[in-house]
Amino acid sequence: MMRGLVLALMLLLLSACGLQPMYAGGGNGKVARGLAGIEVPPIEGQAGWLMRNALQDRIGNQPDAGATYRLDVRLDDRLEGLGVLGDDTIGRERRTLRARYQLVDLASGKILLDATAGSDAGIDVVSSEYATIAAEQTALENLTHEVADRIVTQLALTLRQQK
């Protein structure tokens, strides 16, 4: 009996903490509708193409739906050599992808969010040039997914706070 009373009290306290589900209402909820109303214009370069596709996959953008917001993204993709070996060759590389993005309300032109997101990955440089290039490409693809996840999370938090 006491255990049940404690459990009921804990549930009451938890419900009073102010936590709310981000995607309350499912596909018809405020955040889901806001994300679906974001237009992502083309982003320059191969990394931009990958990023735009990753963002559109995550926000559920419908090309024929009317856009309420525009997401402007500028990328900085860097590949630098690290770990110089005894024969003066590079043994390790680091690929860094940074995104500066702005969420713009199309009706008012107001910038609702101006932020950055980024991630990096280490790449082993091996004797096969093909394998190294494949590893660099895979790292770029994985980084675009990670950065897109971070961007969409921040977008959802921002849209949840909008009236």
Protein backbone atom coordinates (compact mmCIF):
# COMPACT_ATOMS: atom_id res chain seq x y z
CA MET A 1 0.00 0.00 0.00
CA MET A 2 2.80 2.41 0.90
CA ARG A 3 4.67 1.53 -2.29
CA GLY A 4 1.59 2.40 -4.37
CA LEU A 5 1.19 5.70 -2.57
CA VAL A 6 4.84 6.63 -3.20
CA LEU A 7 4.51 5.68 -6.87
CA ALA A 8 1.37 7.82 -7.26
CA LEU A 9 3.11 10.74 -5.56
CA MET A 10 6.13 10.39 -7.87
CA LEU A 11 3.86 10.40 -10.94
CA LEU A 12 2.14 13.55 -9.72
CA LEU A 13 5.48 15.26 -9.18
CA LEU A 14 6.69 14.19 -12.62
CA SER A 15 3.61 15.58 -14.32
CA ALA A 16 4.14 18.92 -12.57
CA CYS A 17 7.73 19.34 -13.78
CA GLY A 18 6.70 21.08 -17.00
CA LEU A 19 8.16 18.52 -19.41
CA GLN A 20 6.18 18.21 -22.61
CA PRO A 21 6.65 15.90 -25.56
CA MET A 22 8.41 17.66 -28.44
CA TYR A 23 6.20 16.11 -31.10
CA ALA A 24 2.89 16.25 -29.22
CA GLY A 25 0.05 15.76 -31.65
CA GLY A 26 2.07 13.57 -34.02
CA GLY A 27 2.09 14.67 -37.66
CA ASN A 28 -0.57 17.32 -36.97
CA GLY A 29 1.28 18.82 -34.02
CA LYS A 30 2.76 22.30 -33.98
CA VAL A 31 6.40 21.20 -34.38
CA ALA A 32 5.70 18.65 -37.14
CA ARG A 33 3.66 21.18 -39.13
CA GLY A 34 6.35 23.83 -38.63
CA LEU A 35 9.12 21.50 -39.80
CA ALA A 36 7.09 20.43 -42.84
CA GLY A 37 6.72 24.11 -43.75
CA ILE A 38 10.45 24.73 -44.03
CA GLU A 39 11.89 25.29 -47.49
CA VAL A 40 15.55 24.34 -47.90
CA PRO A 41 17.09 26.11 -50.91
CA PRO A 42 19.99 24.42 -52.76
CA ILE A 43 23.31 24.51 -50.90
CA GLU A 44 26.56 24.86 -52.82
CA GLY A 45 28.85 21.88 -53.48
CA GLN A 46 28.73 18.14 -52.90
CA ALA A 47 28.52 18.57 -49.13
CA GLY A 48 25.66 21.01 -49.72
CA TRP A 49 23.78 18.52 -51.86
CA LEU A 50 24.19 15.84 -49.18
CA MET A 51 23.17 18.27 -46.42
CA ARG A 52 20.06 19.47 -48.23
CA ASN A 53 18.92 15.89 -48.83
CA ALA A 54 19.57 14.96 -45.18
CA LEU A 55 17.65 18.01 -43.95
CA GLN A 56 14.70 17.36 -46.26
CA ASP A 57 14.57 13.73 -45.13
CA ARG A 58 14.45 14.78 -41.48
CA ILE A 59 11.96 17.64 -41.68
CA GLY A 60 9.47 15.83 -43.90
CA ASN A 61 9.39 18.67 -46.40
CA GLN A 62 6.69 18.37 -49.02
CA PRO A 63 7.79 20.11 -52.27
CA ASP A 64 4.25 21.05 -53.27
CA ALA A 65 3.25 22.36 -49.82
CA GLY A 66 3.38 26.07 -49.18
CA ALA A 67 6.48 27.08 -47.26
CA THR A 68 6.22 29.18 -44.12
CA TYR A 69 9.94 29.32 -43.38
CA ARG A 70 13.22 29.23 -45.30
CA LEU A 71 16.35 27.58 -43.94
CA ASP A 72 19.51 29.21 -45.30
CA VAL A 73 22.61 27.06 -44.78
CA ARG A 74 26.28 27.81 -45.47
CA LEU A 75 28.78 24.98 -45.05
CA ASP A 76 32.47 24.89 -44.24
CA ASP A 77 33.95 21.49 -45.14
CA ARG A 78 37.61 21.00 -44.25
CA LEU A 79 39.96 18.08 -44.65
CA GLU A 80 43.31 18.38 -42.91
CA GLY A 81 46.21 16.01 -42.51
CA LEU A 82 47.30 14.91 -39.06
CA GLY A 83 49.71 12.31 -37.80
CA VAL A 84 52.81 12.62 -39.96
CA LEU A 85 54.64 9.29 -40.19
CA GLY A 86 58.41 8.71 -40.15
CA ASP A 87 58.60 8.84 -43.95
CA ASP A 88 56.88 12.29 -43.98
CA THR A 89 53.54 10.91 -45.19
CA ILE A 90 50.22 11.65 -43.55
CA GLY A 91 48.83 8.75 -41.52
CA ARG A 92 45.60 10.32 -40.34
CA GLU A 93 43.18 13.01 -41.54
CA ARG A 94 40.42 14.94 -39.88
CA ARG A 95 37.31 16.01 -41.76
CA THR A 96 35.35 18.85 -40.19
CA LEU A 97 31.91 19.97 -41.32
CA ARG A 98 30.43 23.17 -39.89
CA ALA A 99 27.08 24.69 -40.82
CA ARG A 100 25.89 28.22 -40.20
CA TYR A 101 22.15 28.34 -40.62
CA GLN A 102 19.30 30.79 -40.32
CA LEU A 103 15.58 30.11 -40.09
CA VAL A 104 13.70 32.93 -41.79
CA ASP A 105 9.96 33.57 -41.46
CA LEU A 106 8.84 34.16 -45.07
CA ALA A 107 5.84 36.31 -44.10
CA SER A 108 7.79 38.87 -42.08
CA GLY A 109 11.38 38.32 -43.23
CA LYS A 110 12.37 38.00 -39.56
CA ILE A 111 15.26 35.70 -38.66
CA LEU A 112 13.91 33.34 -36.01
CA LEU A 113 17.11 31.37 -35.50
CA ASP A 114 20.75 32.09 -36.32
CA ALA A 115 23.03 29.30 -35.17
CA THR A 116 25.86 26.95 -36.03
CA ALA A 117 26.29 23.20 -35.84
CA GLY A 118 29.23 21.01 -36.62
CA SER A 119 30.98 17.72 -36.22
CA ASP A 120 34.26 16.11 -37.19
CA ALA A 121 35.59 12.65 -37.99
CA GLY A 122 38.99 10.99 -38.05
CA ILE A 123 40.13 9.09 -41.13
CA ASP A 124 43.01 6.62 -41.39
CA VAL A 125 45.13 7.18 -44.48
CA VAL A 126 46.09 3.79 -45.92
CA SER A 127 48.32 2.71 -48.79
CA SER A 128 45.33 2.33 -51.12
CA GLU A 129 44.36 5.73 -52.51
CA TYR A 130 40.92 4.38 -53.44
CA ALA A 131 40.28 3.22 -49.86
CA THR A 132 41.32 6.60 -48.48
CA ILE A 133 39.05 8.47 -50.89
CA ALA A 134 36.17 6.11 -50.02
CA ALA A 135 36.79 6.73 -46.30
CA GLU A 136 36.81 10.51 -46.87
CA GLN A 137 33.51 10.27 -48.76
CA THR A 138 31.92 8.07 -46.10
CA ALA A 139 33.05 10.50 -43.41
CA LEU A 140 31.41 13.38 -45.31
CA GLU A 141 28.15 11.46 -45.65
CA ASN A 142 28.13 10.57 -41.94
CA LEU A 143 28.98 14.12 -40.93
CA THR A 144 26.11 15.56 -42.99
CA HIS A 145 23.71 13.22 -41.19
CA GLU A 146 25.07 14.20 -37.75
CA VAL A 147 24.97 17.93 -38.48
CA ALA A 148 21.49 17.67 -40.05
CA ASP A 149 20.24 15.92 -36.89
CA ARG A 150 21.62 18.75 -34.74
CA ILE A 151 20.08 21.40 -36.99
CA VAL A 152 16.65 19.77 -37.00
CA THR A 153 16.70 19.37 -33.22
CA GLN A 154 17.41 23.08 -32.81
CA LEU A 155 14.74 23.93 -35.40
CA ALA A 156 12.18 21.85 -33.51
CA LEU A 157 13.03 23.59 -30.23
CA THR A 158 12.70 26.98 -31.89
CA LEU A 159 9.39 26.13 -33.58
CA ARG A 160 7.99 24.77 -30.33
CA GLN A 161 8.52 28.19 -28.73
CA GLN A 162 6.82 30.08 -31.58
CA LYS A 163 3.25 31.25 -31.00
